Structures are given as C-alpha cells and as structure tokens.
C-alpha cells in the first residue's frame, strides 16, 4: 500500500476516536448537570478537562450555587464506561 493511504487511514481513525470521546464527554456533562439540578443547584458551570483523563474517568471542574445560595467549586470524575460520579467535595 502507498504511504499516503496509511496516513489517510490513520487520520480517519484518529478523527473517529476524538469524535467519540467528545460525544461521551458531553453525555457525561449532562449527567452531572441533571444530578446537580435534582439536588436544587442552579447557575451550574461544568468544564471538561479534556487533557486529563484519569484511569479512564472523565474529569470536570464544576461550579454551582446550591439551594441555600452558597457558591461551590469542585472537581469530579465520571466513569467512562458507567455513570458513577466521584466528587472531590460532595454536593
């Protein structure tokens, strides 16, 4: 096979992998948002640390205002192959 064909195949596979990772990260972000909203949180801001995938877990920085009006900022991890959430400071 020609060298450039391998390059094209590599770029396609890389694009599929990155697209899948982005899709999963957005889905996990929605799980976080719905979990916080169920606990009465508002003004929720969730940022995915795309460079920090810890042992297959997606890592997020989360800030929100709880039902009592207190501001919180924490980090959490969401399982890549499940939906368990591991909070640094549990809401």
C-alpha atoms as a PDB file:
ATOM      1  CA  UNK A   1       0.000   0.000   0.000  1.00  0.00           C
ATOM      2  CA  UNK A   2       1.021   3.544  -0.569  1.00  0.00           C
ATOM      3  CA  UNK A   3       2.364   5.630   2.355  1.00  0.00           C
ATOM      4  CA  UNK A   4      -0.288   8.326   1.913  1.00  0.00           C
ATOM      5  CA  UNK A   5      -3.070   5.778   2.098  1.00  0.00           C
ATOM      6  CA  UNK A   6      -1.826   4.792   5.565  1.00  0.00           C
ATOM      7  CA  UNK A   7      -1.717   8.447   6.560  1.00  0.00           C
ATOM      8  CA  UNK A   8      -5.322   8.916   5.424  1.00  0.00           C
ATOM      9  CA  UNK A   9      -6.430   5.780   7.306  1.00  0.00           C
ATOM     10  CA  UNK A  10      -4.639   6.993  10.454  1.00  0.00           C
ATOM     11  CA  UNK A  11      -6.257  10.438  10.260  1.00  0.00           C
ATOM     12  CA  UNK A  12      -9.715   8.902   9.777  1.00  0.00           C
ATOM     13  CA  UNK A  13      -9.274   6.572  12.766  1.00  0.00           C
ATOM     14  CA  UNK A  14      -7.938   9.432  14.891  1.00  0.00           C
ATOM     15  CA  UNK A  15     -10.908  11.610  13.927  1.00  0.00           C
ATOM     16  CA  UNK A  16     -13.389   8.870  14.820  1.00  0.00           C
ATOM     17  CA  UNK A  17     -11.690   8.358  18.205  1.00  0.00           C
ATOM     18  CA  UNK A  18     -11.675  12.057  19.049  1.00  0.00           C
ATOM     19  CA  UNK A  19     -15.281  12.447  17.931  1.00  0.00           C
ATOM     20  CA  UNK A  20     -16.378   9.523  20.096  1.00  0.00           C
ATOM     21  CA  UNK A  21     -14.506  10.886  23.114  1.00  0.00           C
ATOM     22  CA  UNK A  22     -16.111  14.317  22.669  1.00  0.00           C
ATOM     23  CA  UNK A  23     -19.594  12.781  22.361  1.00  0.00           C
ATOM     24  CA  UNK A  24     -19.115  10.709  25.534  1.00  0.00           C
ATOM     25  CA  UNK A  25     -17.745  13.724  27.445  1.00  0.00           C
ATOM     26  CA  UNK A  26     -20.803  15.806  26.508  1.00  0.00           C
ATOM     27  CA  UNK A  27     -23.108  12.991  27.641  1.00  0.00           C
ATOM     28  CA  UNK A  28     -21.306  12.762  30.986  1.00  0.00           C
ATOM     29  CA  UNK A  29     -21.593  16.529  31.370  1.00  0.00           C
ATOM     30  CA  UNK A  30     -25.380  16.248  31.019  1.00  0.00           C
ATOM     31  CA  UNK A  31     -25.428  13.528  33.693  1.00  0.00           C
ATOM     32  CA  UNK A  32     -23.562  15.870  36.046  1.00  0.00           C
ATOM     33  CA  UNK A  33     -25.932  18.737  35.293  1.00  0.00           C
ATOM     34  CA  UNK A  34     -29.051  16.634  35.905  1.00  0.00           C
ATOM     35  CA  UNK A  35     -27.591  15.274  39.165  1.00  0.00           C
ATOM     36  CA  UNK A  36     -26.921  18.779  40.462  1.00  0.00           C
ATOM     37  CA  UNK A  37     -30.292  20.120  39.322  1.00  0.00           C
ATOM     38  CA  UNK A  38     -32.019  17.253  41.153  1.00  0.00           C
ATOM     39  CA  UNK A  39     -30.313  18.479  44.332  1.00  0.00           C
ATOM     40  CA  UNK A  40     -31.558  22.032  43.816  1.00  0.00           C
ATOM     41  CA  UNK A  41     -28.382  23.556  42.332  1.00  0.00           C
ATOM     42  CA  UNK A  42     -28.551  26.490  39.923  1.00  0.00           C
ATOM     43  CA  UNK A  43     -26.074  28.582  37.933  1.00  0.00           C
ATOM     44  CA  UNK A  44     -24.188  25.409  37.046  1.00  0.00           C
ATOM     45  CA  UNK A  45     -20.939  25.680  35.078  1.00  0.00           C
ATOM     46  CA  UNK A  46     -19.204  22.461  34.026  1.00  0.00           C
ATOM     47  CA  UNK A  47     -15.852  22.390  32.216  1.00  0.00           C
ATOM     48  CA  UNK A  48     -14.364  19.181  30.847  1.00  0.00           C
ATOM     49  CA  UNK A  49     -10.619  18.790  31.407  1.00  0.00           C
ATOM     50  CA  UNK A  50     -10.051  17.162  28.008  1.00  0.00           C
ATOM     51  CA  UNK A  51      -6.322  16.791  28.678  1.00  0.00           C
ATOM     52  CA  UNK A  52      -6.915  14.988  31.983  1.00  0.00           C
ATOM     53  CA  UNK A  53      -8.420  11.523  31.523  1.00  0.00           C
ATOM     54  CA  UNK A  54      -7.607   9.781  34.786  1.00  0.00           C
ATOM     55  CA  UNK A  55      -7.686   5.979  34.541  1.00  0.00           C
ATOM     56  CA  UNK A  56     -10.473   6.089  32.022  1.00  0.00           C
ATOM     57  CA  UNK A  57     -12.518   8.610  34.012  1.00  0.00           C
ATOM     58  CA  UNK A  58     -13.593  11.930  32.576  1.00  0.00           C
ATOM     59  CA  UNK A  59     -12.542  14.836  34.834  1.00  0.00           C
ATOM     60  CA  UNK A  60     -14.643  18.006  35.179  1.00  0.00           C
ATOM     61  CA  UNK A  61     -14.394  21.313  37.026  1.00  0.00           C
ATOM     62  CA  UNK A  62     -17.825  22.170  38.429  1.00  0.00           C
ATOM     63  CA  UNK A  63     -19.111  25.403  39.950  1.00  0.00           C
ATOM     64  CA  UNK A  64     -22.669  25.953  41.117  1.00  0.00           C
ATOM     65  CA  UNK A  65     -24.920  27.667  43.629  1.00  0.00           C
ATOM     66  CA  UNK A  66     -26.748  25.291  45.960  1.00  0.00           C
ATOM     67  CA  UNK A  67     -30.346  25.551  47.170  1.00  0.00           C
ATOM     68  CA  UNK A  68     -29.223  27.640  50.164  1.00  0.00           C
ATOM     69  CA  UNK A  69     -27.442  30.193  47.957  1.00  0.00           C
ATOM     70  CA  UNK A  70     -23.870  29.102  48.744  1.00  0.00           C
ATOM     71  CA  UNK A  71     -21.309  29.052  45.921  1.00  0.00           C
ATOM     72  CA  UNK A  72     -19.342  25.847  45.401  1.00  0.00           C
ATOM     73  CA  UNK A  73     -16.383  24.929  43.204  1.00  0.00           C
ATOM     74  CA  UNK A  74     -15.171  21.340  42.984  1.00  0.00           C
ATOM     75  CA  UNK A  75     -13.690  18.708  40.718  1.00  0.00           C
ATOM     76  CA  UNK A  76     -15.294  15.403  39.902  1.00  0.00           C
ATOM     77  CA  UNK A  77     -14.686  12.310  37.832  1.00  0.00           C
ATOM     78  CA  UNK A  78     -17.275  10.332  35.889  1.00  0.00           C
ATOM     79  CA  UNK A  79     -16.638   6.747  34.844  1.00  0.00           C
ATOM     80  CA  UNK A  80     -16.067   6.353  31.125  1.00  0.00           C
ATOM     81  CA  UNK A  81     -17.952   3.049  30.920  1.00  0.00           C
ATOM     82  CA  UNK A  82     -20.511   3.742  33.642  1.00  0.00           C
ATOM     83  CA  UNK A  83     -22.248   6.688  35.216  1.00  0.00           C
ATOM     84  CA  UNK A  84     -20.795   6.719  38.720  1.00  0.00           C
ATOM     85  CA  UNK A  85     -19.657  10.159  39.839  1.00  0.00           C
ATOM     86  CA  UNK A  86     -16.688  10.649  42.164  1.00  0.00           C
ATOM     87  CA  UNK A  87     -16.760  14.111  43.791  1.00  0.00           C
ATOM     88  CA  UNK A  88     -13.792  15.855  45.365  1.00  0.00           C
ATOM     89  CA  UNK A  89     -16.225  17.818  47.580  1.00  0.00           C
ATOM     90  CA  UNK A  90     -19.576  16.087  47.539  1.00  0.00           C
ATOM     91  CA  UNK A  91     -22.545  18.427  46.864  1.00  0.00           C
END
